[in-house]
Protein backbone atom coordinates (compact mmCIF):
# COMPACT_ATOMS: atom_id res chain seq x y z
CA MET A 1 -19.67 -2.36 -25.18
CA SER A 2 -18.74 -3.16 -21.66
CA ASP A 3 -16.02 -1.58 -19.58
CA PRO A 4 -12.57 -3.03 -20.17
CA VAL A 5 -11.25 -5.03 -17.25
CA VAL A 6 -7.65 -3.99 -17.64
CA ASP A 7 -6.12 -0.53 -17.53
CA ASN A 8 -3.63 -0.91 -20.33
CA ALA A 9 -1.58 2.10 -19.34
CA VAL A 10 2.00 3.17 -19.42
CA LEU A 11 1.94 5.57 -16.52
CA SER A 12 4.63 8.17 -16.68
CA GLY A 13 4.83 10.89 -14.10
CA ASN A 14 7.87 12.58 -15.60
CA SER A 15 6.63 15.62 -17.42
CA SER A 16 8.28 18.92 -18.08
CA VAL A 17 4.91 20.66 -18.28
CA ALA A 18 3.61 22.21 -15.08
CA ILE A 19 0.05 21.47 -14.07
CA PRO A 20 -1.98 24.69 -13.59
CA THR A 21 -3.95 25.14 -10.39
CA ASP A 22 -28.71 9.32 -36.25
CA ILE A 23 -26.66 6.94 -34.44
CA SER A 24 -29.02 4.08 -33.75
CA GLY A 25 -29.32 0.37 -34.33
CA GLN A 26 -27.13 -2.59 -33.62
CA ILE A 27 -23.37 -2.43 -33.64
CA LEU A 28 -21.18 -4.31 -36.08
CA ASP A 29 -17.52 -4.69 -35.17
CA LEU A 30 -15.28 -4.16 -38.17
CA ASP A 31 -11.94 -5.31 -36.79
CA GLU A 32 -10.64 -5.94 -40.29
CA ASP A 33 -10.54 -2.19 -40.91
CA ASP A 34 -9.51 0.09 -38.10
CA ASP A 35 -10.40 3.14 -40.17
CA LEU A 36 -14.16 2.53 -40.03
CA GLU A 37 -15.34 4.30 -36.91
CA VAL A 38 -18.00 6.76 -35.80
CA PHE A 39 -17.16 7.49 -32.14
CA SER A 40 -14.70 5.85 -29.72
CA LYS A 41 -15.10 4.20 -26.35
CA GLY A 42 -12.31 1.74 -26.09
CA THR A 43 -9.94 2.65 -28.89
CA THR A 44 -6.94 3.73 -26.90
CA LEU A 45 -3.45 2.50 -26.68
CA THR A 46 -3.74 2.93 -22.95
CA GLU A 47 -6.72 2.37 -20.68
CA GLY A 48 -6.27 3.20 -18.01
CA SER A 49 -26.42 36.92 -21.00
CA SER A 50 -29.07 38.92 -19.72
CA PHE A 51 -32.52 39.90 -21.15
CA ASN A 52 -33.69 43.52 -21.36
CA ALA A 53 -36.86 45.24 -22.46
CA SER A 54 -35.36 46.49 -25.73
CA MET A 55 -34.98 42.96 -27.06
CA GLN A 56 -37.55 41.30 -29.28
CA THR A 57 -39.77 39.04 -27.24
CA SER A 58 -40.73 36.22 -29.60
CA PRO A 59 -39.35 32.86 -28.44
CA ALA A 60 -37.03 32.52 -31.40
CA SER A 61 -35.62 36.03 -31.13
CA MET A 62 -35.05 35.58 -27.40
CA ILE A 63 -32.97 32.49 -28.06
CA ASN A 64 -31.02 34.31 -30.77
CA GLN A 65 -30.03 36.85 -28.11
CA TYR A 66 -28.72 34.13 -25.80
CA LYS A 67 -24.92 34.26 -25.52
CA PHE A 68 -22.52 32.39 -23.35
CA GLU A 69 -19.96 34.47 -21.50
CA GLU A 70 -17.40 31.69 -21.82
CA GLU A 71 -17.47 31.97 -25.63
CA GLU A 72 -16.62 35.66 -25.71
CA GLY A 73 -13.02 36.51 -26.35
CA ASP A 74 -11.96 32.99 -27.40
CA ALA A 75 -10.90 34.10 -30.87
CA ASP A 76 -8.69 36.83 -29.38
CA THR A 77 -6.69 34.46 -27.17
CA LYS A 78 -6.47 31.38 -29.38
CA ASP A 79 -3.09 30.93 -31.05
CA ILE A 80 -3.56 27.64 -32.90
CA PHE A 81 -6.35 26.72 -35.33
CA VAL A 82 -6.81 23.18 -36.64
CA THR A 83 -9.19 22.01 -39.37
CA VAL A 84 -9.95 18.45 -40.46
CA ASP A 85 -11.48 18.24 -43.94
CA ASN A 86 -11.20 16.83 -47.46
CA PRO A 87 -11.53 13.07 -46.78
CA GLU A 88 -10.11 10.75 -49.43
CA SER A 89 -10.63 7.01 -49.80
CA LEU A 90 -7.48 5.14 -50.72
CA VAL A 91 -7.32 1.61 -52.09
CA THR A 92 -4.20 -0.51 -51.88
CA ALA A 93 -3.52 -4.18 -52.57
CA ILE A 94 -4.19 -5.11 -48.95
CA GLU A 95 -6.60 -2.50 -47.57
CA THR A 96 -9.00 0.34 -48.21
CA TYR A 97 -8.99 3.30 -45.85
CA VAL A 98 -9.78 7.00 -45.55
CA THR A 99 -7.33 9.83 -44.97
CA TYR A 100 -8.18 13.37 -43.90
CA ARG A 101 -6.44 16.65 -44.52
CA VAL A 102 -5.31 18.31 -41.29
CA MET A 103 -4.60 22.03 -41.73
CA THR A 104 -2.98 24.06 -38.96
CA LYS A 105 -2.49 27.80 -38.58
CA THR A 106 -0.56 29.06 -35.58
CA THR A 107 1.43 31.96 -34.17
CA ARG A 108 3.31 29.82 -31.67
CA SER A 109 7.07 30.27 -31.67
CA GLU A 110 7.84 26.55 -31.23
CA PHE A 111 6.50 25.85 -34.72
CA ASP A 112 8.87 26.31 -37.67
CA ALA A 113 6.16 27.90 -39.83
CA SER A 114 2.74 29.49 -39.41
CA GLU A 115 0.82 27.03 -41.61
CA PHE A 116 0.97 23.28 -42.08
CA GLU A 117 -0.96 20.76 -44.16
CA VAL A 118 -0.71 16.99 -43.68
CA ARG A 119 -2.88 13.95 -44.28
CA ARG A 120 -3.79 11.57 -41.48
CA ARG A 121 -5.81 8.36 -41.13
CA TYR A 122 -7.71 7.15 -38.09
CA GLN A 123 -4.82 5.09 -36.76
CA ASP A 124 -2.73 8.28 -36.54
CA PHE A 125 -5.40 9.94 -34.39
CA LEU A 126 -5.47 6.81 -32.26
CA TRP A 127 -1.69 6.98 -31.80
CA LEU A 128 -1.91 10.61 -30.68
CA LYS A 129 -4.60 9.83 -28.13
CA GLY A 130 -2.59 6.93 -26.75
CA ARG A 131 0.58 9.00 -26.44
CA LEU A 132 -1.24 11.75 -24.55
CA GLU A 133 -2.71 9.21 -22.15
CA GLU A 134 0.66 7.58 -21.60
CA ALA A 135 2.37 10.85 -20.75
CA HIS A 136 -0.55 12.29 -18.76
CA PRO A 137 -2.52 9.37 -17.28
CA THR A 138 -4.78 11.53 -15.10
CA LEU A 139 -5.60 14.21 -17.64
CA ILE A 140 -8.87 13.85 -19.60
CA VAL A 141 -8.40 13.22 -23.33
CA HIS A 142 -11.47 13.90 -25.47
CA PRO A 143 -12.86 10.68 -27.01
CA LEU A 144 -12.19 9.61 -30.56
CA PRO A 145 -14.83 8.26 -32.96
CA GLU A 146 -15.55 4.71 -31.85
CA LYS A 147 -14.26 1.69 -33.66
CA PHE A 148 -17.68 0.44 -34.65
CA VAL A 149 -20.20 0.97 -37.41
CA MET A 150 -23.91 1.18 -36.78
CA LYS A 151 -26.22 -1.12 -38.71
CA GLY A 152 -28.20 0.98 -41.13
CA MET A 153 -25.19 2.58 -42.82
CA VAL A 154 -25.76 1.96 -46.54
CA GLU A 155 -22.10 1.47 -47.39
CA ARG A 156 -18.86 1.22 -45.49
CA PHE A 157 -17.63 4.43 -47.14
CA ASN A 158 -21.00 6.15 -47.29
CA GLU A 159 -20.61 9.95 -47.60
CA ASP A 160 -22.75 10.64 -44.54
CA PHE A 161 -20.73 8.14 -42.53
CA ILE A 162 -17.42 9.68 -43.53
CA GLU A 163 -18.71 13.19 -42.82
CA THR A 164 -19.90 12.16 -39.36
CA ARG A 165 -16.48 10.74 -38.62
CA ARG A 166 -14.68 13.79 -40.04
CA LYS A 167 -16.64 16.11 -37.73
CA ALA A 168 -15.77 13.96 -34.74
CA LEU A 169 -12.06 13.92 -35.62
CA HIS A 170 -12.19 17.69 -36.11
CA ARG A 171 -13.68 18.14 -32.64
CA PHE A 172 -11.10 15.80 -31.16
CA LEU A 173 -8.14 17.78 -32.51
CA ASN A 174 -9.68 21.10 -31.50
CA ARG A 175 -10.22 19.83 -27.96
CA ILE A 176 -6.52 18.96 -27.88
CA ALA A 177 -5.58 22.36 -29.33
CA GLU A 178 -7.66 24.12 -26.64
CA HIS A 179 -6.10 22.14 -23.80
CA PRO A 180 -3.35 24.02 -21.89
CA ILE A 181 -1.18 20.90 -21.50
CA PHE A 182 -1.93 18.68 -24.48
CA SER A 183 -1.57 21.52 -27.01
CA SER A 184 2.03 22.08 -25.89
CA THR A 185 3.20 18.48 -26.19
CA GLU A 186 5.78 17.37 -28.73
CA ASP A 187 3.53 14.53 -29.90
CA PHE A 188 0.74 16.96 -30.83
CA LYS A 189 3.21 19.16 -32.70
CA ILE A 190 4.57 16.17 -34.61
CA PHE A 191 1.05 14.99 -35.45
CA LEU A 192 0.22 18.40 -36.95
CA THR A 193 3.45 18.99 -38.84
CA ALA A 194 5.30 15.76 -39.70
CA GLU A 195 5.14 14.19 -43.13
CA SER A 196 3.80 10.64 -43.24
CA GLY A 197 7.21 8.98 -43.24
CA GLU A 198 8.47 11.07 -40.34
CA LEU A 199 5.32 10.34 -38.35
CA THR A 200 5.67 6.62 -38.97
CA SER A 201 9.26 6.74 -37.73
CA HIS A 202 8.21 8.65 -34.63
CA LYS A 203 5.40 6.19 -33.89
CA LYS A 204 7.93 3.35 -33.81
CA GLN A 205 9.79 5.08 -30.96
CA GLY A 206 6.98 4.37 -28.50
CA PRO A 207 7.11 1.68 -25.81
CA SER A 208 7.59 -1.89 -26.98
CA PHE A 209 4.92 -4.57 -26.81
CA LEU A 210 6.67 -6.24 -23.87
CA SER A 211 6.87 -2.92 -22.05
CA ARG A 212 3.15 -2.34 -22.56
CA MET A 213 2.40 -5.86 -21.37
CA GLY A 214 4.47 -5.24 -18.26
CA GLU A 215 2.51 -2.11 -17.49
CA THR A 216 -0.71 -4.03 -18.09
CA VAL A 217 0.29 -6.65 -15.54
CA LYS A 218 1.14 -3.92 -13.04
CA ALA A 219 -2.22 -2.24 -13.67
CA VAL A 220 -4.04 -5.52 -13.09
CA ALA A 221 -2.16 -6.11 -9.86
CA ALA A 222 -2.94 -2.60 -8.64
CA SER A 223 -6.58 -3.05 -9.57
CA VAL A 224 -6.78 -6.30 -7.64
CA ARG A 225 -5.19 -4.74 -4.55
CA GLY A 226 -7.53 -1.76 -4.72
CA VAL A 227 -7.18 1.51 -2.83
CA ARG A 228 -7.72 1.60 0.91
CA ASN A 229 -7.56 5.33 1.58
CA ARG A 230 -8.89 7.09 -1.50
CA PRO A 231 -9.28 10.85 -0.81
CA GLU A 232 -12.92 11.88 -0.47
CA GLU A 233 -12.76 14.27 -3.41
CA PHE A 234 -11.95 11.40 -5.78
CA THR A 235 -14.72 9.28 -4.30
CA ASP A 236 -17.05 12.20 -5.01
CA MET A 237 -15.75 12.30 -8.59
CA GLN A 238 -16.48 8.60 -9.01
CA GLU A 239 -20.02 9.02 -7.72
CA TYR A 240 -20.54 11.99 -10.04
CA VAL A 241 -19.30 9.99 -13.03
CA ASP A 242 -21.57 7.07 -12.17
CA ALA A 243 -24.61 9.37 -11.96
CA PHE A 244 -23.60 11.30 -15.09
CA THR A 245 -23.14 8.03 -16.98
CA GLN A 246 -26.66 6.92 -16.16
CA LYS A 247 -28.25 10.28 -17.05
CA ILE A 248 -26.39 11.02 -20.28
CA GLY A 249 -26.75 7.39 -21.39
CA SER A 250 -30.51 7.44 -20.86
CA LEU A 251 -30.85 10.80 -22.63
CA ASP A 252 -28.78 9.51 -25.54
CA LYS A 253 -30.97 6.41 -25.95
CA VAL A 254 -34.24 8.35 -25.63
CA SER A 255 -33.06 10.98 -28.14
CA GLN A 256 -32.11 8.31 -30.64
CA ARG A 257 -35.50 6.65 -30.18
CA ILE A 258 -37.25 9.99 -30.74
CA VAL A 259 -35.36 10.43 -34.01
CA ARG A 260 -36.32 6.93 -35.15
CA GLU A 261 -39.98 7.58 -34.31
CA LYS A 262 -39.87 10.92 -36.13
CA LYS A 263 -38.56 9.13 -39.20
CA GLU A 264 -41.40 6.59 -38.99
CA HIS A 265 -43.93 9.42 -38.59
CA LEU A 266 -42.37 11.17 -41.59
CA GLU A 267 -42.80 8.09 -43.78
CA GLU A 268 -46.46 7.87 -42.80
CA LEU A 269 -46.99 11.55 -43.60
CA LYS A 270 -45.45 11.01 -47.02
CA GLU A 271 -47.95 8.22 -47.71
CA CYS A 272 -50.84 10.65 -47.09
CA VAL A 273 -49.79 13.13 -49.77
CA PRO A 274 -50.59 11.02 -52.87
CA ILE A 275 -53.81 9.78 -51.25
CA TYR A 276 -55.14 13.35 -50.91
CA THR A 277 -53.96 14.16 -54.44
CA LEU A 278 -55.68 11.15 -56.02
CA TRP A 279 -58.83 11.75 -54.00
CA SER A 280 -59.04 15.33 -55.30
CA GLN A 281 -59.30 13.99 -58.86
CA SER A 282 -62.50 12.06 -58.08
CA GLU A 283 -64.18 14.47 -55.63
CA GLU A 284 -64.88 17.66 -57.57
CA GLU A 285 -66.56 19.54 -54.72
CA LEU A 286 -63.63 18.82 -52.39
CA ALA A 287 -60.87 19.12 -54.99
CA GLU A 288 -59.38 22.39 -53.75
CA PRO A 289 -59.25 21.56 -50.01
CA LEU A 290 -57.90 18.09 -50.79
CA LYS A 291 -55.15 19.54 -52.98
CA SER A 292 -54.41 22.08 -50.25
CA MET A 293 -54.16 19.30 -47.67
CA ALA A 294 -51.69 17.47 -49.91
CA GLY A 295 -49.64 20.63 -50.31
CA CYS A 296 -49.61 21.32 -46.58
CA LEU A 297 -48.55 17.80 -45.74
CA ASP A 298 -45.82 17.93 -48.36
CA SER A 299 -44.49 21.16 -46.87
CA CYS A 300 -44.58 19.69 -43.37
CA CYS A 301 -42.74 16.60 -44.61
CA LYS A 302 -39.91 18.77 -45.91
CA GLU A 303 -39.70 20.63 -42.61
CA THR A 304 -39.75 17.37 -40.66
CA GLU A 305 -36.95 15.97 -42.80
CA GLU A 306 -34.90 19.05 -42.00
CA GLN A 307 -35.68 18.73 -38.29
CA VAL A 308 -34.56 15.10 -38.22
CA LYS A 309 -31.37 16.02 -40.06
CA GLU A 310 -30.62 18.80 -37.59
CA LEU A 311 -31.15 16.46 -34.64
CA ASN A 312 -28.82 13.91 -36.19
CA ASP A 313 -26.21 16.55 -37.00
CA HIS A 314 -26.23 18.42 -33.70
CA LEU A 315 -28.01 17.04 -30.64
CA ILE A 316 -27.34 13.32 -31.13
CA PRO A 317 -23.55 13.70 -31.67
CA ALA A 318 -23.26 16.06 -28.70
CA LEU A 319 -25.00 13.61 -26.39
CA HIS A 320 -23.17 10.57 -27.73
CA GLU A 321 -19.74 12.14 -27.38
CA TYR A 322 -20.39 12.68 -23.70
CA VAL A 323 -21.55 9.09 -23.37
CA LEU A 324 -18.08 8.21 -24.65
CA CYS A 325 -16.51 10.76 -22.31
CA THR A 326 -17.83 8.76 -19.36
CA GLU A 327 -15.62 5.84 -20.39
CA THR A 328 -12.63 8.17 -20.53
CA LEU A 329 -13.44 9.53 -17.08
CA LYS A 330 -13.72 6.05 -15.61
CA ALA A 331 -10.37 5.07 -17.11
CA VAL A 332 -8.70 8.22 -15.73
CA LEU A 333 -10.06 7.53 -12.25
CA ARG A 334 -8.85 3.93 -12.45
CA ARG A 335 -5.40 5.03 -13.47
CA ARG A 336 -5.28 7.46 -10.55
CA ASP A 337 -6.32 4.67 -8.20
CA ASN A 338 -3.63 2.40 -9.65
CA ILE A 339 -0.96 5.01 -8.94
CA GLN A 340 -2.18 5.29 -5.36
CA ALA A 341 -2.35 1.50 -5.02
CA ASP A 342 1.28 1.23 -6.16
CA PHE A 343 2.29 3.81 -3.56
CA GLU A 344 0.39 2.05 -0.79
CA ALA A 345 1.92 -1.31 -1.70
CA LYS A 346 5.42 0.16 -1.67
CA THR A 347 4.74 1.79 1.70
CA GLU A 348 3.73 -1.58 3.14
CA ALA A 349 6.80 -3.27 1.69
CA LEU A 350 9.07 -0.67 3.25
CA ALA A 351 7.46 -1.18 6.65
CA MET A 352 8.07 -4.93 6.51
CA LYS A 353 11.54 -4.87 5.01
CA LYS A 354 14.56 -4.48 7.22
CA ALA A 355 17.38 -4.20 4.71
CA ASP A 356 18.00 -1.61 1.98
CA LYS A 357 15.47 0.82 3.42
CA ASP A 358 17.29 3.90 2.15
CA ALA A 359 16.97 2.83 -1.48
CA MET A 360 13.33 1.99 -0.96
CA ARG A 361 12.69 5.35 0.71
CA ASP A 362 14.09 7.13 -2.33
CA GLU A 363 11.80 5.12 -4.57
CA LEU A 364 8.88 5.73 -2.23
CA ASP A 365 9.52 9.49 -2.29
CA LYS A 366 9.40 9.42 -6.10
CA MET A 367 6.14 7.47 -6.04
CA GLU A 368 4.67 9.92 -3.54
CA ASP A 369 5.63 12.82 -5.80
CA ARG A 370 4.06 10.99 -8.72
CA LEU A 371 0.83 10.44 -6.81
CA GLU A 372 0.68 14.10 -5.83
CA TRP A 373 1.31 15.10 -9.46
CA ALA A 374 -1.44 12.75 -10.65
CA ASN A 375 -3.92 14.03 -8.06
CA ASN A 376 -3.25 17.69 -8.85
CA ALA A 377 -3.46 17.03 -12.58
CA LEU A 378 -6.83 15.31 -12.26
CA LYS A 379 -8.29 17.95 -9.94
CA SER A 380 -7.26 20.73 -12.32
CA ASP A 381 -8.49 18.96 -15.46
CA TRP A 382 -11.72 17.82 -13.77
CA THR A 383 -12.75 21.42 -13.16
CA ARG A 384 -11.86 22.32 -16.74
CA TRP A 385 -13.73 19.33 -18.18
CA GLN A 386 -16.90 20.13 -16.23
CA LYS A 387 -16.89 23.71 -17.53
CA VAL A 388 -16.44 22.57 -21.14
CA MET A 389 -19.07 19.85 -20.76
CA ARG A 390 -21.66 22.24 -19.35
CA ASN A 391 -21.01 24.77 -22.10
CA ASP A 392 -21.27 22.09 -24.79
CA LEU A 393 -24.51 20.59 -23.53
CA ARG A 394 -26.09 23.97 -22.76
CA SER A 395 -25.24 25.09 -26.30
CA ALA A 396 -26.69 21.87 -27.77
CA PHE A 397 -29.91 22.26 -25.77
CA VAL A 398 -30.37 25.92 -26.72
CA ASP A 399 -29.61 25.14 -30.35
CA THR A 400 -32.20 22.34 -30.29
CA ALA A 401 -34.78 24.64 -28.72
CA GLU A 402 -34.17 27.27 -31.39
CA ARG A 403 -34.45 24.74 -34.21
CA ASN A 404 -37.63 23.23 -32.72
CA ILE A 405 -39.24 26.66 -32.47
CA ASN A 406 -38.28 27.35 -36.08
CA TYR A 407 -39.75 23.99 -37.15
CA TYR A 408 -43.06 24.42 -35.34
CA GLU A 409 -43.43 28.06 -36.47
CA LYS A 410 -43.06 26.99 -40.12
CA CYS A 411 -45.53 24.12 -39.74
CA LEU A 412 -47.94 26.44 -37.92
CA ALA A 413 -47.71 28.95 -40.76
CA VAL A 414 -48.52 26.19 -43.28
CA TRP A 415 -51.69 25.16 -41.46
CA GLU A 416 -52.77 28.74 -40.72
CA SER A 417 -52.50 29.46 -44.44
CA PHE A 418 -54.73 26.44 -45.15
CA LEU A 419 -57.35 27.61 -42.65
CA HIS A 420 -57.30 31.14 -44.04
CA SER A 421 -57.81 29.91 -47.62
CA GLN A 422 -60.70 27.65 -46.61
CA ARG A 423 -62.44 30.38 -44.58
CA THR A 424 -62.08 32.83 -47.45
CA GLU A 425 -63.56 30.31 -49.89
CA ALA A 426 -66.46 29.56 -47.54
CA GLU A 427 -67.25 33.26 -47.15
CA GLU A 428 -67.15 33.82 -50.92
CA ASN A 429 -69.56 30.91 -51.44
CA GLY A 430 -71.86 32.11 -48.67
CA GLU A 431 -71.29 28.92 -46.72
CA VAL A 432 -71.35 28.57 -42.95
CA ASP A 433 -68.03 29.45 -41.35
CA PHE A 434 -66.64 26.16 -40.00
CA SER A 435 -64.44 27.89 -37.49
């Protein structure tokens, strides 16, 4: 999945909203069905707390006490709640696809009611993402599930697959709902409230194919020209994104490999259980310890299965979503550069042109305002994105640490119980203590 060459953006600087100061294996492209996705890289319409002595001191209890200041008070200030659930597979004469129920509860005055319930398919989420990018080219839109399926999925509409996608779509909408600009857009409101027919009609009002092609050509031209005087802060952003891409990508790959290896280890552990059990039937003097070994291994297998599931449900998705975020960040930075490149080209044209300079100055002033708007929007959203990213990853790491401690404590208890039983038996039989 390489970076797209073209920023396919419809860049619009006219906005009435003020800017405030286990996913592993090979990828199979399923172009014939746009509704089969897990996470999204390129599916856009446009490219372009403290510890004190009174606390318990075991590792697990210490982590349970860990709270993030940023999370406190969120429920008191939030005025819109969105839930994505209840997936349904629909079969028609020409296609099979999945729709999801989107439920909204809100106290916002711009909504006609306080609760809404609609059904949406992946293409509708894709439309929303594209519209937000068109209207706000230098704001950071959270990634959608990608338009690919990983080899290893048992079926195209496997329950685990659909649930993974549902969770990702739920996170996507909640990121939009938490955003100070996106959550107030008319497109987001329509997505949450419009019936299917009304939404279809609204989607047809977007820019035409020829218009999008024109913007694509302009984006290519701007990309070819490049930017001569990019502000240092945006160069720093680019360098940060490049470094972040390498780090999060490596961590994502290593984490997926760890999960695969844990699964292989689990299968080998499972093979040991019947061996110990069968052996106990032919070795009378060792029957009890052999049976105990089988029981301990079986218990550890169950705990390992749960650990692998938790990694697949929590850590892996968190890491992979931010791998996808890097593509979004790169596209946003390219779109900002394209806006600046357009401004620089127009400035040069004005300097060389003798006639009609007044009209060109008016156009240049508008482009300068647009560039300033784009720069301020990106700087504001960049700070916000970094805060959210750090909270998300910190939460994922702490959650993983807590779950690992829980896993190893349970396995430790299993083996301690085995040792205790064997020592007790040895003492009762007057045998030498093997400890």
